[in-house]
Amino acid sequence: MPSRSNASAQILPMILTVLVIAVLVTLLTQSAYGQPCSFPTSPIFEVGSTVYSPFSPPPSGTEFAQKTHTGGERIIFYLHGLGGTGTSWNSVASRTAYGGAPQYPARQVIFDMPFTYLQNASLFDAAMDIDNTLQVRSFLAQQMHGVSPGDHLLIAHSLGGIEALILDSLYMDTATFERPFGGAVLVGSAIGGSDAAMALSAWGQNGAVHFVEEACQILSNPWLWAAHLLPPLRWFPALDPWVQQAIQSTCSGIVTPFIPFALGKFHRPLVTELTPQSPWPAHLNHRVPQIPVVQLYGVEDEPVFWRTAYSMYQTDSIGLALAQDPFQFDGDDVLVDWVSDQIAHYAAQTLLASARAQSHAIAQCQVWYNPFSSLYHAWQRQRALEEAGAAYAAERWYRQANGVYKDYIGAREITLQADGYWCRCRNDGDPPFTWTVVSTPTDCLDDDPYAFCQSWPHWDVDITEHPNDGVVLASSAGSLPGAVAHIELPHTNHQQMRNSTYTRDVFKRLFNGQIPGGAFFATALR
């Protein structure tokens, strides 16, 4: 028969175990059902309606309305944009000179292989590098084909258009330079500067890295794959070292992460000169060019971020198709549809997990007398809440990504305006509270001396959105004073602008001499 001391030694651990379980059950139950005395969030900010600010280009210039070229063949020089290469315009250049394309006949153009230029220095250095190439090729064309340099055209995309206008200003110094082209077409060029470059670059707000880090933290949450596998993820091309480092430190557990935008091309020194406040954009945006210039600016449909992201991803894989027809780079709905599916998926996951958490909370209450069952349901409830929170965060990220990106590129402006004060008074310590709007904090005082009143500044939040091509605002790419024409490319993002059907139609009208005031651009059929 066991001694009294041995029996006590055996009973004591059991009692301690029961006490620990009881404490855990109590804590979990309070966590599940406890309603702390809390006050409602103060409605200090009120979001107003979103206002879309349309863009109207300035009047067309008429100074060069009568200017024409001497006829016969001419050279068209092509300049790529930031991060591009000499191959960016190849398909358009070759089909314009020979062979043509569907609904796009060839012209009497001497084919000139598109070239690249220096991008790792300043805008001026890049302009000088471009000028060296243009001078050599223009001289050879004059010697071999008898073509006057003043008859040549320059078609430039994005950064290339800024360089074209820098050259135009430098060519005013006739003692130093000889002008190698007589007219220019600027496609999506941020003449007025761009917020995107500095916002996304490592020298500015480092937005590309921040965007990546936030997305990785949210989309790689293990609770998202508790019941579902994480959707197939992939990186966009041109992923730069800064973003790779952010991925390695933040998303170390994911082998193939997916972030729909990573612009390594923005990490160039000349990017610092592209902001609207920089000297070159400030100068060029108010200077009338000395040659006929046509501006093309894109206005993409919403959501611009996902459409632009898809086109940037497609750029490296659509080369073969563009070789057959250089103007069929239009479709950009694929990623938009995929994102809509992701939003619906995570919304459903949030609802299901929340419902599961509620079921376990009810079950926990019903088996309160059984500590083990109660602990099990409390544990399952917590797991369901974690999954619901992760799914909600993922859904919210997909919903907000377009707006956040538009903040980066300057396409969405949020302004705060003070509008009086919110006043809240109560006569006791319990809700409900009453809210009123007053002009000054003094107006918040109640006649009841025992009433407790508080006031907060009331702010109206106004959102203004500007038309853009997913990278450059229409107001920056289409407002050059003195330009022969400012032509909108609808439903077209920055990456599509070289190869869209809208671009084809404008080029055809341009070469047909159908742009009012643009007789210089007329080029005979081959």
Protein backbone atom coordinates (compact mmCIF):
# COMPACT_ATOMS: atom_id res chain seq x y z
CA MET A 1 0.00 0.00 0.00
CA PRO A 2 1.54 3.35 -1.03
CA SER A 3 2.49 5.71 1.71
CA ARG A 4 0.65 9.00 2.27
CA SER A 5 3.69 10.95 1.08
CA ASN A 6 3.92 8.99 -2.20
CA ALA A 7 0.23 9.51 -2.88
CA SER A 8 0.62 13.25 -2.37
CA ALA A 9 3.60 13.27 -4.73
CA GLN A 10 1.47 11.61 -7.44
CA ILE A 11 -1.57 13.81 -6.94
CA LEU A 12 0.33 17.13 -6.96
CA PRO A 13 1.43 16.98 -10.66
CA MET A 14 -2.12 16.09 -11.67
CA ILE A 15 -3.50 19.06 -9.76
CA LEU A 16 -0.93 21.38 -11.33
CA THR A 17 -1.77 20.04 -14.81
CA VAL A 18 -5.47 20.63 -14.27
CA LEU A 19 -4.79 24.14 -12.99
CA VAL A 20 -2.63 24.96 -16.03
CA ILE A 21 -5.32 23.69 -18.40
CA ALA A 22 -7.96 25.67 -16.53
CA VAL A 23 -5.89 28.84 -16.80
CA LEU A 24 -5.30 28.30 -20.52
CA VAL A 25 -8.98 27.66 -21.15
CA THR A 26 -9.89 30.80 -19.21
CA LEU A 27 -7.40 32.92 -21.14
CA LEU A 28 -8.49 31.54 -24.51
CA THR A 29 -12.14 31.99 -23.65
CA GLN A 30 -11.56 35.59 -22.63
CA SER A 31 -9.60 36.13 -25.81
CA ALA A 32 -12.46 34.72 -27.86
CA TYR A 33 -15.36 36.44 -26.16
CA GLY A 34 -13.94 39.28 -24.13
CA GLN A 35 -15.21 42.66 -25.28
CA PRO A 36 -12.80 45.29 -23.93
CA CYS A 37 -14.22 48.70 -23.20
CA SER A 38 -13.09 50.55 -26.32
CA PHE A 39 -14.09 53.75 -28.00
CA PRO A 40 -14.98 53.94 -31.68
CA THR A 41 -12.40 55.26 -34.09
CA SER A 42 -12.64 59.00 -34.42
CA PRO A 43 -13.91 59.98 -37.88
CA ILE A 44 -11.20 62.59 -38.37
CA PHE A 45 -10.74 61.90 -42.10
CA GLU A 46 -13.50 61.66 -44.67
CA VAL A 47 -12.69 60.48 -48.17
CA GLY A 48 -14.46 62.42 -50.85
CA SER A 49 -15.16 61.36 -54.41
CA THR A 50 -12.36 60.65 -56.87
CA VAL A 51 -12.11 63.30 -59.57
CA TYR A 52 -10.72 62.45 -63.00
CA SER A 53 -8.81 65.41 -64.40
CA PRO A 54 -8.95 65.25 -68.22
CA PHE A 55 -6.02 66.46 -70.28
CA SER A 56 -6.38 68.96 -73.10
CA PRO A 57 -3.26 69.54 -75.23
CA PRO A 58 -2.22 73.08 -76.15
CA PRO A 59 -3.01 74.54 -79.58
CA SER A 60 -1.01 73.14 -82.47
CA GLY A 61 1.84 75.20 -83.85
CA THR A 62 1.59 76.56 -87.40
CA GLU A 63 5.12 77.82 -87.92
CA PHE A 64 6.14 74.81 -90.05
CA ALA A 65 2.81 74.27 -91.82
CA GLN A 66 4.36 75.03 -95.20
CA LYS A 67 7.61 73.15 -94.70
CA THR A 68 8.09 70.08 -96.92
CA HIS A 69 11.01 67.88 -97.73
CA THR A 70 12.61 67.84 -101.17
CA GLY A 71 11.00 64.57 -102.20
CA GLY A 72 12.45 61.17 -102.98
CA GLU A 73 13.97 58.91 -100.37
CA ARG A 74 14.82 59.96 -96.85
CA ILE A 75 16.25 58.34 -93.72
CA ILE A 76 14.22 57.77 -90.58
CA PHE A 77 16.35 57.54 -87.45
CA TYR A 78 14.85 55.69 -84.49
CA LEU A 79 15.71 56.25 -80.82
CA HIS A 80 14.70 53.84 -78.07
CA GLY A 81 13.76 54.81 -74.52
CA LEU A 82 15.18 54.25 -71.06
CA GLY A 83 16.57 50.74 -70.75
CA GLY A 84 15.90 49.96 -74.41
CA THR A 85 18.30 48.74 -77.07
CA GLY A 86 18.86 49.19 -80.77
CA THR A 87 16.49 46.29 -81.44
CA SER A 88 13.49 48.06 -79.87
CA TRP A 89 12.47 49.70 -83.16
CA ASN A 90 13.87 47.09 -85.57
CA SER A 91 10.59 45.62 -86.79
CA VAL A 92 8.97 49.00 -87.40
CA ALA A 93 12.08 50.37 -89.11
CA SER A 94 12.50 47.45 -91.49
CA ARG A 95 8.80 47.21 -92.44
CA THR A 96 8.58 50.96 -93.03
CA ALA A 97 11.48 50.80 -95.48
CA TYR A 98 10.67 47.48 -97.18
CA GLY A 99 7.79 45.06 -97.33
CA GLY A 100 5.30 46.98 -95.26
CA ALA A 101 2.80 45.31 -92.93
CA PRO A 102 -0.98 44.71 -92.91
CA GLN A 103 -2.64 48.11 -93.44
CA TYR A 104 0.80 49.73 -93.40
CA PRO A 105 2.50 50.19 -96.78
CA ALA A 106 6.26 50.65 -97.11
CA ARG A 107 7.66 54.09 -97.87
CA GLN A 108 10.55 55.50 -99.86
CA VAL A 109 12.90 55.28 -96.92
CA ILE A 110 16.57 54.33 -96.86
CA PHE A 111 16.79 51.68 -94.16
CA ASP A 112 18.99 52.73 -91.26
CA MET A 113 19.61 50.16 -88.54
CA PRO A 114 18.34 51.52 -85.18
CA PHE A 115 21.19 52.07 -82.75
CA THR A 116 21.64 52.34 -79.00
CA TYR A 117 23.27 55.10 -77.00
CA LEU A 118 24.94 55.85 -73.68
CA GLN A 119 22.58 55.68 -70.68
CA ASN A 120 24.99 55.43 -67.75
CA ALA A 121 25.87 59.11 -67.59
CA SER A 122 23.97 62.40 -67.89
CA LEU A 123 21.28 63.45 -70.37
CA PHE A 124 23.82 65.70 -72.06
CA ASP A 125 26.33 62.84 -72.40
CA ALA A 126 23.62 60.68 -73.96
CA ALA A 127 22.74 63.49 -76.38
CA MET A 128 26.37 63.84 -77.45
CA ASP A 129 26.63 60.09 -78.01
CA ILE A 130 23.48 60.17 -80.15
CA ASP A 131 24.76 63.17 -82.10
CA ASN A 132 28.01 61.39 -82.96
CA THR A 133 26.09 58.51 -84.52
CA LEU A 134 23.61 60.77 -86.32
CA GLN A 135 26.35 62.92 -87.83
CA VAL A 136 28.20 59.91 -89.23
CA ARG A 137 25.09 58.29 -90.69
CA SER A 138 23.73 61.53 -92.09
CA PHE A 139 27.07 62.25 -93.78
CA LEU A 140 27.20 58.77 -95.31
CA ALA A 141 23.62 59.07 -96.59
CA GLN A 142 24.46 62.37 -98.23
CA GLN A 143 27.57 60.94 -99.86
CA MET A 144 26.01 57.66 -100.98
CA HIS A 145 22.43 58.66 -101.77
CA GLY A 146 22.53 62.42 -102.18
CA VAL A 147 19.95 62.90 -99.39
CA SER A 148 19.95 66.24 -97.63
CA PRO A 149 20.27 65.99 -93.80
CA GLY A 150 17.37 68.42 -93.47
CA ASP A 151 15.04 65.82 -95.03
CA HIS A 152 15.68 63.15 -92.40
CA LEU A 153 13.14 62.25 -89.72
CA LEU A 154 13.72 61.20 -86.14
CA ILE A 155 11.19 58.94 -84.37
CA ALA A 156 11.91 58.63 -80.66
CA HIS A 157 10.25 56.75 -77.81
CA SER A 158 10.24 57.88 -74.17
CA LEU A 159 13.73 59.04 -73.12
CA GLY A 160 14.74 59.19 -76.79
CA GLY A 161 12.28 62.04 -77.33
CA ILE A 162 13.82 64.07 -74.51
CA GLU A 163 17.23 63.56 -76.09
CA ALA A 164 15.83 64.66 -79.45
CA LEU A 165 14.69 67.98 -78.01
CA ILE A 166 18.00 68.46 -76.19
CA LEU A 167 19.73 68.02 -79.54
CA ASP A 168 17.32 70.46 -81.17
CA SER A 169 18.29 73.09 -78.62
CA LEU A 170 22.01 72.38 -79.09
CA TYR A 171 21.73 72.61 -82.87
CA MET A 172 20.88 76.30 -82.48
CA ASP A 173 24.66 76.69 -82.18
CA THR A 174 25.30 76.40 -85.91
CA ALA A 175 29.00 77.14 -85.47
CA THR A 176 29.44 73.92 -83.49
CA PHE A 177 26.77 71.56 -84.80
CA GLU A 178 25.20 70.63 -88.10
CA ARG A 179 21.57 69.56 -87.86
CA PRO A 180 21.23 65.91 -89.05
CA PHE A 181 17.41 65.72 -89.11
CA GLY A 182 14.64 68.13 -90.04
CA GLY A 183 11.64 66.85 -88.06
CA ALA A 184 10.81 64.59 -85.13
CA VAL A 185 8.03 62.37 -83.82
CA LEU A 186 8.04 61.94 -80.04
CA VAL A 187 6.27 58.85 -78.70
CA GLY A 188 5.43 58.90 -74.99
CA SER A 189 8.28 61.25 -74.10
CA ALA A 190 8.04 62.92 -70.68
CA ILE A 191 8.99 66.39 -71.86
CA GLY A 192 7.56 67.85 -68.67
CA GLY A 193 9.42 65.34 -66.51
CA SER A 194 8.29 62.19 -64.75
CA ASP A 195 7.70 61.33 -61.11
CA ALA A 196 8.01 57.61 -61.85
CA ALA A 197 11.76 57.51 -62.34
CA MET A 198 12.74 58.97 -58.98
CA ALA A 199 9.84 57.38 -57.11
CA LEU A 200 10.88 53.88 -58.16
CA SER A 201 14.65 54.35 -58.23
CA ALA A 202 17.17 53.69 -55.46
CA TRP A 203 18.13 57.38 -55.53
CA GLY A 204 14.58 58.51 -54.86
CA GLN A 205 11.82 56.90 -52.83
CA ASN A 206 13.12 53.42 -53.64
CA GLY A 207 9.56 52.51 -54.50
CA ALA A 208 10.39 49.41 -56.52
CA VAL A 209 12.04 47.79 -53.50
CA HIS A 210 9.29 48.89 -51.11
CA PHE A 211 6.65 47.57 -53.49
CA VAL A 212 8.46 44.24 -53.71
CA GLU A 213 8.95 43.93 -49.97
CA GLU A 214 5.32 44.62 -49.15
CA ALA A 215 4.04 42.21 -51.78
CA CYS A 216 6.44 39.49 -50.69
CA GLN A 217 5.53 39.81 -47.04
CA ILE A 218 1.84 39.58 -47.86
CA LEU A 219 1.77 37.03 -50.67
CA SER A 220 4.30 34.68 -49.08
CA ASN A 221 2.40 34.42 -45.78
CA PRO A 222 2.36 30.68 -44.92
CA TRP A 223 -1.26 30.94 -43.81
CA LEU A 224 -2.25 31.56 -47.43
CA TRP A 225 -1.19 28.07 -48.36
CA ALA A 226 -2.68 26.42 -45.32
CA ALA A 227 -5.56 25.26 -47.52
CA HIS A 228 -4.33 26.37 -50.92
CA LEU A 229 -1.03 26.42 -52.74
CA LEU A 230 0.39 29.86 -53.41
CA PRO A 231 -0.45 30.81 -57.03
CA PRO A 232 2.33 30.35 -59.58
CA LEU A 233 4.68 33.29 -59.25
CA ARG A 234 7.26 34.70 -61.61
CA TRP A 235 9.50 37.72 -61.90
CA PHE A 236 9.41 40.32 -64.60
CA PRO A 237 12.57 40.72 -66.70
CA ALA A 238 15.20 43.36 -65.92
CA LEU A 239 15.09 42.61 -62.21
CA ASP A 240 17.79 44.72 -60.68
CA PRO A 241 20.16 43.84 -57.81
CA TRP A 242 18.37 46.09 -55.34
CA VAL A 243 15.11 44.27 -55.85
CA GLN A 244 16.82 40.88 -55.81
CA GLN A 245 18.37 41.74 -52.47
CA ALA A 246 14.99 42.77 -51.10
CA ILE A 247 13.53 39.48 -52.26
CA GLN A 248 16.29 37.42 -50.69
CA SER A 249 15.92 39.16 -47.34
CA THR A 250 12.14 39.30 -47.26
CA CYS A 251 10.98 36.30 -49.24
CA SER A 252 13.71 33.82 -48.42
CA GLY A 253 11.28 30.92 -48.43
CA ILE A 254 9.92 31.42 -51.94
CA VAL A 255 11.73 30.02 -54.95
CA THR A 256 9.76 31.71 -57.73
CA PRO A 257 8.12 34.86 -56.31
CA PHE A 258 5.81 37.00 -58.37
CA ILE A 259 5.94 40.76 -58.32
CA PRO A 260 4.27 42.34 -61.35
CA PHE A 261 6.71 45.23 -61.63
CA ALA A 262 10.48 45.47 -61.13
CA LEU A 263 12.11 48.22 -63.10
CA GLY A 264 15.85 47.85 -62.91
CA LYS A 265 16.11 50.23 -65.85
CA PHE A 266 15.27 53.12 -63.53
CA HIS A 267 18.57 52.69 -61.70
CA ARG A 268 20.54 54.92 -64.09
CA PRO A 269 22.34 58.19 -63.20
CA LEU A 270 20.42 60.22 -65.77
CA VAL A 271 17.16 59.29 -64.03
CA THR A 272 17.86 62.04 -61.52
CA GLU A 273 17.51 64.57 -64.36
CA LEU A 274 14.03 63.43 -65.38
CA THR A 275 12.01 64.85 -62.49
CA PRO A 276 9.70 67.77 -63.35
CA GLN A 277 11.84 70.09 -61.21
CA SER A 278 15.10 69.24 -62.98
CA PRO A 279 16.68 71.79 -65.35
CA TRP A 280 16.21 69.94 -68.64
CA PRO A 281 12.45 69.17 -68.33
CA ALA A 282 11.82 72.67 -66.97
CA HIS A 283 13.64 74.12 -70.01
CA LEU A 284 12.28 71.83 -72.72
CA ASN A 285 8.64 72.00 -71.61
CA HIS A 286 8.58 75.76 -72.24
CA ARG A 287 10.75 75.92 -75.34
CA VAL A 288 9.32 76.01 -78.86
CA PRO A 289 11.28 73.56 -81.05
CA GLN A 290 13.08 74.80 -84.16
CA ILE A 291 11.80 71.93 -86.32
CA PRO A 292 8.33 70.41 -86.89
CA VAL A 293 7.53 68.05 -84.02
CA VAL A 294 4.57 65.70 -83.56
CA GLN A 295 3.80 64.42 -80.07
CA LEU A 296 2.11 61.08 -79.40
CA TYR A 297 0.91 60.44 -75.86
CA GLY A 298 -0.80 57.35 -74.49
CA VAL A 299 -3.88 57.09 -72.29
CA GLU A 300 -4.22 53.61 -70.86
CA ASP A 301 -7.40 52.08 -69.43
CA GLU A 302 -7.69 51.14 -65.78
CA PRO A 303 -6.13 49.42 -64.03
CA VAL A 304 -3.05 50.96 -65.64
CA PHE A 305 -0.58 49.17 -63.38
CA TRP A 306 -1.63 45.64 -64.29
CA ARG A 307 -1.95 46.46 -67.99
CA THR A 308 1.49 48.06 -68.12
CA ALA A 309 2.99 45.24 -66.08
CA TYR A 310 1.62 42.65 -68.50
CA SER A 311 2.96 44.52 -71.53
CA MET A 312 6.39 44.82 -69.94
CA TYR A 313 6.40 41.11 -69.23
CA GLN A 314 5.31 40.34 -72.79
CA THR A 315 7.98 42.52 -74.39
CA ASP A 316 10.64 39.82 -74.24
CA SER A 317 8.38 37.08 -75.60
CA ILE A 318 6.48 38.77 -78.42
CA GLY A 319 9.44 39.43 -80.70
CA LEU A 320 8.57 36.71 -83.23
CA ALA A 321 5.00 37.93 -83.62
CA LEU A 322 6.15 41.52 -84.09
CA ALA A 323 8.58 40.38 -86.77
CA GLN A 324 5.53 39.29 -88.79
CA ASP A 325 3.47 42.39 -87.96
CA PRO A 326 5.16 45.10 -85.87
CA PHE A 327 1.82 46.67 -84.92
CA GLN A 328 -0.07 43.95 -83.09
CA PHE A 329 1.01 44.61 -79.51
CA ASP A 330 -2.46 45.60 -78.26
CA GLY A 331 -3.94 43.05 -75.87
CA ASP A 332 -3.30 43.66 -72.18
CA ASP A 333 -6.31 42.12 -70.40
CA VAL A 334 -4.69 38.83 -69.37
CA LEU A 335 -3.12 40.02 -66.13
CA VAL A 336 -6.17 42.17 -65.35
CA ASP A 337 -8.40 39.10 -65.52
CA TRP A 338 -5.93 37.07 -63.47
CA VAL A 339 -5.83 39.72 -60.75
CA SER A 340 -9.64 39.80 -60.65
CA ASP A 341 -9.58 36.04 -60.07
CA GLN A 342 -7.01 36.47 -57.30
CA ILE A 343 -9.14 39.09 -55.57
CA ALA A 344 -12.19 36.82 -55.74
CA HIS A 345 -10.12 33.86 -54.53
CA TYR A 346 -8.73 35.63 -51.48
CA ALA A 347 -12.09 37.24 -50.68
CA ALA A 348 -13.68 33.79 -50.64
CA GLN A 349 -10.82 32.42 -48.55
CA THR A 350 -11.32 35.26 -46.06
CA LEU A 351 -15.04 34.51 -45.72
CA LEU A 352 -14.55 30.76 -45.39
CA ALA A 353 -11.79 31.09 -42.82
CA SER A 354 -13.81 33.65 -40.84
CA ALA A 355 -16.83 31.35 -40.86
CA ARG A 356 -14.64 28.48 -39.70
CA ALA A 357 -13.30 30.63 -36.86
CA GLN A 358 -16.84 31.48 -35.80
CA SER A 359 -17.84 27.82 -35.84
CA HIS A 360 -14.93 26.89 -33.59
CA ALA A 361 -15.76 29.79 -31.27
CA ILE A 362 -19.31 28.48 -30.87
CA ALA A 363 -18.05 24.93 -30.40
CA GLN A 364 -15.57 26.14 -27.78
CA CYS A 365 -18.40 27.76 -25.86
CA GLN A 366 -20.52 24.63 -26.04
CA VAL A 367 -17.80 22.35 -24.63
CA TRP A 368 -16.57 24.72 -21.93
CA TYR A 369 -16.76 21.90 -19.40
CA ASN A 370 -14.26 19.80 -21.37
CA PRO A 371 -10.84 21.49 -21.16
CA PHE A 372 -9.24 19.39 -23.89
CA SER A 373 -12.06 19.96 -26.42
CA SER A 374 -12.18 23.62 -25.49
CA LEU A 375 -8.44 23.98 -26.08
CA TYR A 376 -8.73 22.20 -29.43
CA HIS A 377 -11.46 24.53 -30.70
CA ALA A 378 -9.61 27.59 -29.39
CA TRP A 379 -6.50 26.44 -31.27
CA GLN A 380 -8.46 25.80 -34.49
CA ARG A 381 -10.21 29.15 -34.15
CA GLN A 382 -6.88 30.92 -33.88
CA ARG A 383 -5.58 29.11 -36.96
CA ALA A 384 -8.67 30.12 -38.92
CA LEU A 385 -8.30 33.74 -37.81
CA GLU A 386 -4.66 33.76 -38.95
CA GLU A 387 -5.68 32.43 -42.36
CA ALA A 388 -8.53 34.94 -42.65
CA GLY A 389 -6.18 37.80 -41.80
CA ALA A 390 -3.58 36.66 -44.33
CA ALA A 391 -6.18 36.21 -47.08
CA TYR A 392 -7.69 39.62 -46.38
CA ALA A 393 -4.25 41.24 -46.57
CA ALA A 394 -3.60 39.53 -49.93
CA GLU A 395 -6.97 40.62 -51.30
CA ARG A 396 -6.35 44.18 -50.13
CA TRP A 397 -2.87 44.24 -51.72
CA TYR A 398 -4.24 43.20 -55.10
CA ARG A 399 -7.01 45.80 -54.82
CA GLN A 400 -4.68 48.61 -53.79
CA ALA A 401 -1.62 47.87 -55.95
CA ASN A 402 -2.91 49.91 -58.89
CA GLY A 403 -3.57 52.95 -56.72
CA VAL A 404 -0.23 52.71 -54.94
CA TYR A 405 1.57 52.49 -58.26
CA LYS A 406 -0.31 55.52 -59.60
CA ASP A 407 0.86 57.44 -56.54
CA TYR A 408 4.43 56.61 -57.54
CA ILE A 409 4.08 57.86 -61.11
CA GLY A 410 2.12 60.98 -60.13
CA ALA A 411 -1.12 59.81 -61.76
CA ARG A 412 -3.03 60.01 -58.47
CA GLU A 413 -2.85 62.98 -56.13
CA ILE A 414 -4.25 62.93 -52.61
CA THR A 415 -4.85 66.28 -50.95
CA LEU A 416 -6.04 67.10 -47.43
CA GLN A 417 -8.20 70.11 -46.67
CA ALA A 418 -9.17 71.25 -43.17
CA ASP A 419 -12.94 71.52 -42.78
CA GLY A 420 -13.91 72.45 -39.24
CA TYR A 421 -13.87 70.06 -36.30
CA TRP A 422 -15.56 66.89 -35.20
CA CYS A 423 -17.18 67.24 -31.80
CA ARG A 424 -18.15 64.37 -29.50
CA CYS A 425 -19.94 64.80 -26.18
CA ARG A 426 -21.30 62.34 -23.67
CA ASN A 427 -22.92 62.68 -20.28
CA ASP A 428 -21.60 59.41 -18.91
CA GLY A 429 -18.84 56.97 -19.61
CA ASP A 430 -20.79 54.66 -21.88
CA PRO A 431 -21.56 54.72 -25.58
CA PRO A 432 -23.36 55.70 -27.71
CA PHE A 433 -21.65 58.93 -28.59
CA THR A 434 -23.01 61.69 -30.75
CA TRP A 435 -20.89 63.33 -33.45
CA THR A 436 -21.41 66.82 -34.80
CA VAL A 437 -19.41 69.11 -37.06
CA VAL A 438 -18.47 72.49 -35.60
CA SER A 439 -16.44 75.43 -36.85
CA THR A 440 -14.12 75.85 -33.87
CA PRO A 441 -13.19 73.78 -30.80
CA THR A 442 -15.02 76.33 -28.65
CA ASP A 443 -18.28 75.43 -30.40
CA CYS A 444 -17.85 71.91 -29.08
CA LEU A 445 -18.54 72.92 -25.46
CA ASP A 446 -21.86 71.61 -24.17
CA ASP A 447 -24.35 73.51 -22.03
CA ASP A 448 -24.34 70.65 -19.57
CA PRO A 449 -21.47 71.33 -17.13
CA TYR A 450 -21.15 67.60 -16.47
CA ALA A 451 -20.85 66.66 -20.14
CA PHE A 452 -17.46 65.51 -21.36
CA CYS A 453 -16.66 66.92 -24.83
CA GLN A 454 -13.74 66.35 -27.17
CA SER A 455 -12.91 67.84 -30.56
CA TRP A 456 -10.66 66.78 -33.44
CA PRO A 457 -9.74 68.58 -36.65
CA HIS A 458 -11.86 67.36 -39.53
CA TRP A 459 -10.06 66.76 -42.83
CA ASP A 460 -11.52 66.16 -46.26
CA VAL A 461 -9.47 63.80 -48.42
CA ASP A 462 -9.71 64.60 -52.13
CA ILE A 463 -8.33 62.29 -54.81
CA THR A 464 -7.49 63.54 -58.29
CA GLU A 465 -6.45 61.15 -61.06
CA HIS A 466 -4.62 62.13 -64.24
CA PRO A 467 -4.62 60.33 -67.61
CA ASN A 468 -1.39 58.47 -68.23
CA ASP A 469 0.22 55.63 -70.16
CA GLY A 470 1.24 53.68 -67.07
CA VAL A 471 4.58 55.48 -66.78
CA VAL A 472 4.23 59.04 -68.12
CA LEU A 473 1.37 61.50 -67.60
CA ALA A 474 -0.43 62.70 -70.71
CA SER A 475 0.19 66.27 -69.57
CA SER A 476 3.94 65.62 -69.67
CA ALA A 477 4.02 63.77 -73.00
CA GLY A 478 1.52 65.91 -74.89
CA SER A 479 2.01 69.55 -73.95
CA LEU A 480 5.05 70.70 -75.94
CA PRO A 481 4.45 74.30 -77.06
CA GLY A 482 4.68 74.86 -80.79
CA ALA A 483 4.32 71.17 -81.71
CA VAL A 484 2.63 70.53 -85.06
CA ALA A 485 0.21 68.10 -83.42
CA HIS A 486 -0.49 66.43 -80.07
CA ILE A 487 -2.10 63.05 -80.80
CA GLU A 488 -3.61 60.72 -78.22
CA LEU A 489 -3.08 56.97 -78.47
CA PRO A 490 -6.11 55.56 -76.61
CA HIS A 491 -6.04 52.24 -74.73
CA THR A 492 -2.25 52.23 -75.06
CA ASN A 493 0.37 51.94 -72.33
CA HIS A 494 3.97 53.09 -72.39
CA GLN A 495 5.35 49.73 -73.44
CA GLN A 496 2.85 49.25 -76.28
CA MET A 497 3.37 52.63 -77.88
CA ARG A 498 6.01 51.53 -80.38
CA ASN A 499 3.94 48.63 -81.64
CA SER A 500 0.21 49.26 -81.21
CA THR A 501 -2.38 49.45 -83.97
CA TYR A 502 -3.08 53.04 -82.88
CA THR A 503 0.57 53.89 -83.49
CA ARG A 504 0.36 52.25 -86.92
CA ASP A 505 -2.67 54.36 -87.85
CA VAL A 506 -0.99 57.59 -86.74
CA PHE A 507 2.22 56.76 -88.61
CA LYS A 508 0.22 55.99 -91.74
CA ARG A 509 -1.64 59.30 -91.53
CA LEU A 510 1.63 61.08 -90.83
CA PHE A 511 3.41 59.60 -93.86
CA ASN A 512 0.33 60.22 -96.01
CA GLY A 513 0.55 63.92 -95.16
CA GLN A 514 -2.85 63.83 -93.44
CA ILE A 515 -1.78 65.52 -90.19
CA PRO A 516 -2.76 69.21 -90.42
CA GLY A 517 0.38 71.31 -90.52
CA GLY A 518 2.58 68.25 -90.91
CA ALA A 519 3.35 68.34 -94.62
CA PHE A 520 7.04 67.81 -93.86
CA PHE A 521 6.35 64.25 -92.64
CA ALA A 522 4.68 63.13 -95.88
CA THR A 523 6.70 60.27 -97.38
CA ALA A 524 5.91 58.68 -100.73
CA LEU A 525 4.90 55.03 -101.05
CA ARG A 526 7.56 52.63 -102.20
